[in-house]
Amino acid sequence: MDLGLAGRSALITGASQGIGEGLAETFAEEGVNLHLTARRAEPMEALAARLRERHGVTVSVHPMDLTEEGAIEGLVEAVGDVDILVNNAGVIPGGDLQTIDQQAWRDGWELKVFGYIALCRLYYARMKAAGGGVIVNNIGNAGERYDAQYIAGTTGNASLMAFTRALGGPSLDDNIRVVGINPGPVDTDRIYKLLKRRALDWFGDESRYEELLDRYPLKRPAHVREITDTIAFLASDRAGYITGTIVTVDGGIASRSSII
C-alpha cells in the first residue's frame, strides 16, 4: 500500500532508540524527510547515515535535552515547519505512590507530558499557518489500563489521552489531525527492564522475567514494526478522517480483566 508520504517532512522526538528509531526507518522507507531529536547524538548520527544511504531521504539530527529551559523553542526554530510531528520522547518511572516522590513524578512528566503539550502548542500554530499537518502522540496503554505500580505513568498517559482528544476534536477545522497511539508492551529494552522489576517484586528474582512473557497475548510483546506501521498509516492521507482519537495496539490487553 502506497501511503503517499513521499516528499513530506516529519519531526520525531525520542528518535535514538526503540519506537522512535523504528519509526524513523519506517518513514524513511516511505520517502519522508526527517528531523530526529533525542539526548544522545551518536546513535542518531549512525541511524541518519544509514537512512540516507538506504532510502535517499534527507535526515537532520538535533541532539538535545528537551527538558532544559528554552530547548523546545530552540528545536522548533531549528527545524522549522514540518508536515508531521510525532511526540515520542520520555519515560515516566515505575513505582507506586509511596516510591515515586514529588520530584521524580515532576521530572517524569516534564518531558513526556509537558514536553508533548509544548511541542503541540508550537507546531499546531505553525501547521495552521501553513495550511495543515498531522500530530501523532505516542502515549501508551497504561492510560487506559490503570496500574497502581505505575501510577505516575498511568496518570500521565491518561492526561495525554484527554489532551489529544480535546485538541484533535475540532482540529480538522484547521486542516490538522491530532491522534494518539497507545502501545502496550513492545519489544524494546524498556519492556524488559519493567519485566525484570516486576519479576523481582513478584518472585524475588529478576532473572525470572521471561516467565511473565507467557501472560502476554501470543506470549510476546508487540514487534516495533507493528507500532510504527500504525503510526505511518495514521500520519498518511489514508487516515484523513481520523482525528481526536486514540488507537490502541496492545493485543487486547486493555480489554482483558487481568494481565500484567
Protein backbone atom coordinates (compact mmCIF):
# COMPACT_ATOMS: atom_id res chain seq x y z
CA MET A 1 0.00 0.00 0.00
CA ASP A 2 1.40 3.36 -1.03
CA LEU A 3 0.74 5.73 1.86
CA GLY A 4 1.51 8.79 -0.25
CA LEU A 5 4.02 10.14 2.25
CA ALA A 6 6.96 10.59 -0.12
CA GLY A 7 8.42 14.07 -0.01
CA ARG A 8 6.79 15.05 3.27
CA SER A 9 8.72 16.04 6.37
CA ALA A 10 8.49 14.77 9.93
CA LEU A 11 9.96 15.58 13.32
CA ILE A 12 10.36 12.57 15.63
CA THR A 13 11.31 13.05 19.27
CA GLY A 14 12.95 10.27 21.24
CA ALA A 15 14.48 9.05 17.98
CA SER A 16 17.69 7.45 19.25
CA GLN A 17 16.21 4.06 20.16
CA GLY A 18 13.12 1.88 20.42
CA ILE A 19 9.92 3.01 18.73
CA GLY A 20 11.44 6.34 17.68
CA GLU A 21 14.31 4.65 15.88
CA GLY A 22 11.95 2.14 14.29
CA LEU A 23 9.60 4.90 13.15
CA ALA A 24 12.46 6.78 11.50
CA GLU A 25 13.16 3.63 9.48
CA THR A 26 9.51 3.19 8.54
CA PHE A 27 9.07 6.81 7.50
CA ALA A 28 12.31 6.77 5.51
CA GLU A 29 11.06 3.72 3.59
CA GLU A 30 8.02 5.81 2.67
CA GLY A 31 10.22 8.66 1.42
CA VAL A 32 9.67 11.03 4.34
CA ASN A 33 12.43 13.56 5.06
CA LEU A 34 13.30 13.50 8.73
CA HIS A 35 14.30 15.61 11.69
CA LEU A 36 15.40 13.46 14.62
CA THR A 37 15.91 14.58 18.19
CA ALA A 38 16.97 12.88 21.42
CA ARG A 39 19.61 13.39 24.07
CA ARG A 40 22.23 11.07 22.56
CA ALA A 41 23.86 12.21 19.34
CA GLU A 42 25.92 9.14 18.41
CA PRO A 43 23.10 6.63 17.83
CA MET A 44 21.08 9.22 15.91
CA GLU A 45 24.02 10.08 13.67
CA ALA A 46 24.51 6.39 12.88
CA LEU A 47 20.79 6.00 12.19
CA ALA A 48 20.73 9.09 9.99
CA ALA A 49 23.70 7.88 7.91
CA ARG A 50 22.03 4.51 7.40
CA LEU A 51 18.71 6.03 6.34
CA ARG A 52 20.33 8.45 3.91
CA GLU A 53 22.26 5.63 2.27
CA ARG A 54 19.38 3.15 2.09
CA HIS A 55 16.47 5.41 1.24
CA GLY A 56 17.89 8.64 -0.17
CA VAL A 57 15.97 10.86 2.22
CA THR A 58 17.15 13.98 3.99
CA VAL A 59 17.83 13.40 7.68
CA SER A 60 18.78 16.13 10.15
CA VAL A 61 19.88 15.34 13.69
CA HIS A 62 19.19 17.63 16.66
CA PRO A 63 20.74 16.21 19.85
CA MET A 64 19.44 18.00 22.93
CA ASP A 65 17.75 17.63 26.29
CA LEU A 66 14.22 18.89 25.73
CA THR A 67 13.70 19.45 29.45
CA GLU A 68 16.25 22.27 29.50
CA GLU A 69 14.97 25.83 29.56
CA GLY A 70 14.26 27.06 26.03
CA ALA A 71 15.23 23.76 24.38
CA ILE A 72 11.82 23.05 22.84
CA GLU A 73 11.54 26.54 21.42
CA GLY A 74 15.08 26.25 20.08
CA LEU A 75 14.30 22.92 18.45
CA VAL A 76 11.23 24.30 16.69
CA GLU A 77 13.19 27.26 15.37
CA ALA A 78 15.99 24.99 14.14
CA VAL A 79 13.65 22.51 12.45
CA GLY A 80 11.11 24.94 11.03
CA ASP A 81 7.82 23.79 9.53
CA VAL A 82 7.09 20.07 9.18
CA ASP A 83 4.13 18.12 7.83
CA ILE A 84 4.16 15.58 10.66
CA LEU A 85 5.07 15.84 14.34
CA VAL A 86 5.49 12.63 16.33
CA ASN A 87 5.80 13.12 20.08
CA ASN A 88 7.63 10.05 21.32
CA ALA A 89 10.19 11.19 23.91
CA GLY A 90 10.13 10.47 27.60
CA VAL A 91 9.94 7.64 30.08
CA ILE A 92 7.89 8.02 33.25
CA PRO A 93 9.31 5.94 36.13
CA GLY A 94 7.54 2.90 37.50
CA GLY A 95 6.50 2.54 41.12
CA ASP A 96 3.59 3.15 43.45
CA LEU A 97 2.51 6.36 45.16
CA GLN A 98 4.94 5.94 48.04
CA THR A 99 8.01 5.06 45.99
CA ILE A 100 7.63 7.85 43.41
CA ASP A 101 8.35 11.05 45.29
CA GLN A 102 7.25 14.51 44.22
CA GLN A 103 10.45 15.34 42.35
CA ALA A 104 10.59 12.04 40.47
CA TRP A 105 6.96 12.49 39.47
CA ARG A 106 7.57 16.03 38.19
CA ASP A 107 10.76 15.00 36.39
CA GLY A 108 8.94 12.13 34.67
CA TRP A 109 6.17 14.40 33.46
CA GLU A 110 8.46 17.23 32.34
CA LEU A 111 9.34 15.56 29.05
CA LYS A 112 6.52 13.18 28.25
CA VAL A 113 3.52 15.20 29.45
CA PHE A 114 4.55 18.86 29.41
CA GLY A 115 7.01 18.32 26.55
CA TYR A 116 4.26 16.85 24.37
CA ILE A 117 1.96 19.73 25.20
CA ALA A 118 4.60 22.37 24.48
CA LEU A 119 5.51 20.89 21.09
CA CYS A 120 1.84 20.56 20.18
CA ARG A 121 1.24 24.20 21.09
CA LEU A 122 4.10 25.44 18.91
CA TYR A 123 3.58 23.14 15.95
CA TYR A 124 -0.20 23.43 15.88
CA ALA A 125 0.21 27.18 15.30
CA ARG A 126 2.79 26.58 12.57
CA MET A 127 0.68 23.91 10.87
CA LYS A 128 -2.38 26.12 10.94
CA ALA A 129 -0.43 28.94 9.30
CA ALA A 130 0.97 26.52 6.71
CA GLY A 131 -2.44 25.09 5.84
CA GLY A 132 -2.43 21.81 7.73
CA GLY A 133 -0.50 18.91 9.20
CA VAL A 134 -0.61 15.85 11.42
CA ILE A 135 0.37 15.40 15.08
CA VAL A 136 0.76 11.89 16.46
CA ASN A 137 1.24 11.44 20.21
CA ASN A 138 2.77 8.12 21.25
CA ILE A 139 1.19 7.65 24.67
CA GLY A 140 0.81 4.08 25.98
CA ASN A 141 -1.95 1.77 27.14
CA ALA A 142 -1.27 2.48 30.82
CA GLY A 143 -3.53 5.47 30.24
CA GLU A 144 -6.47 3.09 29.92
CA ARG A 145 -5.16 0.07 31.83
CA TYR A 146 -4.70 1.59 35.27
CA ASP A 147 -1.77 0.24 37.29
CA ALA A 148 -1.04 1.34 40.84
CA GLN A 149 2.52 0.07 40.41
CA TYR A 150 2.99 2.52 37.52
CA ILE A 151 0.93 5.29 39.00
CA ALA A 152 2.82 8.28 37.59
CA GLY A 153 2.78 6.74 34.11
CA THR A 154 -0.87 5.73 34.28
CA THR A 155 -1.88 9.22 35.35
CA GLY A 156 0.37 10.96 32.84
CA ASN A 157 -0.79 8.80 29.93
CA ALA A 158 -4.44 9.30 30.84
CA SER A 159 -3.81 13.04 30.82
CA LEU A 160 -2.21 12.87 27.36
CA MET A 161 -5.14 10.82 26.06
CA ALA A 162 -7.56 13.52 27.23
CA PHE A 163 -5.32 16.24 25.80
CA THR A 164 -5.11 14.50 22.41
CA ARG A 165 -8.86 14.03 22.19
CA ALA A 166 -9.55 17.61 23.27
CA LEU A 167 -7.08 19.12 20.81
CA GLY A 168 -7.96 16.78 17.97
CA GLY A 169 -11.72 17.08 18.22
CA PRO A 170 -12.05 20.40 16.37
CA SER A 171 -8.62 20.35 14.68
CA LEU A 172 -9.88 19.37 11.21
CA ASP A 173 -11.40 22.84 11.08
CA ASP A 174 -7.77 23.94 10.68
CA ASN A 175 -6.91 21.03 8.36
CA ILE A 176 -4.86 19.47 11.17
CA ARG A 177 -5.29 15.98 12.54
CA VAL A 178 -4.25 15.13 16.11
CA VAL A 179 -4.23 11.45 17.01
CA GLY A 180 -2.72 9.23 19.66
CA ILE A 181 -1.40 5.70 19.72
CA ASN A 182 -1.39 3.50 22.82
CA PRO A 183 1.13 0.71 22.50
CA GLY A 184 1.11 -1.99 25.13
CA PRO A 185 4.32 -3.92 25.77
CA VAL A 186 6.74 -3.51 22.85
CA ASP A 187 9.91 -5.45 22.09
CA THR A 188 12.36 -2.76 23.21
CA ASP A 189 14.88 -2.56 26.05
CA ARG A 190 12.37 -0.69 28.18
CA ILE A 191 9.84 -3.51 28.44
CA TYR A 192 12.48 -5.95 29.67
CA LYS A 193 13.57 -3.52 32.36
CA LEU A 194 9.96 -3.29 33.51
CA LEU A 195 9.54 -7.06 33.42
CA LYS A 196 12.68 -7.58 35.47
CA ARG A 197 11.45 -5.11 38.06
CA ARG A 198 8.07 -6.87 38.24
CA ALA A 199 9.76 -10.30 38.48
CA LEU A 200 11.83 -9.00 41.38
CA ASP A 201 8.69 -7.71 43.10
CA TRP A 202 6.67 -10.86 42.49
CA PHE A 203 9.26 -13.63 42.67
CA GLY A 204 12.21 -12.01 44.41
CA ASP A 205 14.30 -12.85 41.34
CA GLU A 206 14.59 -10.59 38.30
CA SER A 207 16.06 -13.41 36.21
CA ARG A 208 12.58 -14.99 36.10
CA TYR A 209 11.24 -12.13 33.96
CA GLU A 210 10.80 -14.42 30.93
CA GLU A 211 8.05 -16.26 32.80
CA LEU A 212 5.98 -13.09 32.62
CA LEU A 213 6.02 -13.14 28.81
CA ASP A 214 3.59 -16.06 28.97
CA ARG A 215 0.97 -13.64 30.29
CA TYR A 216 1.07 -11.55 27.13
CA PRO A 217 -1.14 -12.17 24.09
CA LEU A 218 0.72 -14.57 21.76
CA LYS A 219 3.23 -14.88 24.62
CA ARG A 220 5.22 -11.92 23.33
CA PRO A 221 5.32 -8.14 23.29
CA ALA A 222 4.42 -6.27 20.11
CA HIS A 223 7.04 -6.02 17.41
CA VAL A 224 8.29 -2.46 16.93
CA ARG A 225 7.15 -2.60 13.32
CA GLU A 226 3.57 -3.32 14.41
CA ILE A 227 3.61 0.04 16.17
CA THR A 228 5.48 2.08 13.58
CA ASP A 229 3.38 0.85 10.65
CA THR A 230 0.29 2.02 12.54
CA ILE A 231 1.82 5.44 13.13
CA ALA A 232 2.77 5.75 9.46
CA PHE A 233 -0.80 4.95 8.44
CA LEU A 234 -2.20 7.48 10.93
CA ALA A 235 0.16 10.13 9.55
CA SER A 236 -0.94 9.49 5.97
CA ASP A 237 -3.87 10.80 3.97
CA ARG A 238 -5.38 7.31 4.08
CA ALA A 239 -6.30 8.20 7.67
CA GLY A 240 -7.58 11.61 6.60
CA TYR A 241 -10.83 11.39 8.59
CA ILE A 242 -9.20 10.17 11.82
CA THR A 243 -8.61 12.80 14.49
CA GLY A 244 -9.29 13.33 18.17
CA THR A 245 -8.98 9.63 18.94
CA ILE A 246 -6.53 7.06 20.29
CA VAL A 247 -5.61 3.81 18.53
CA THR A 248 -4.63 1.06 20.97
CA VAL A 249 -2.13 -1.55 19.77
CA ASP A 250 -1.71 -3.92 22.71
CA GLY A 251 -3.01 -7.32 21.67
CA GLY A 252 -6.22 -6.69 23.59
CA ILE A 253 -4.55 -6.19 26.98
CA ALA A 254 -6.55 -3.07 27.84
CA SER A 255 -9.76 -5.03 27.23
CA ARG A 256 -8.79 -8.01 29.39
CA SER A 257 -9.75 -8.29 33.02
CA SER A 258 -6.36 -9.40 34.33
CA ILE A 259 -2.92 -9.35 32.77
CA ILE A 260 0.46 -7.88 33.65
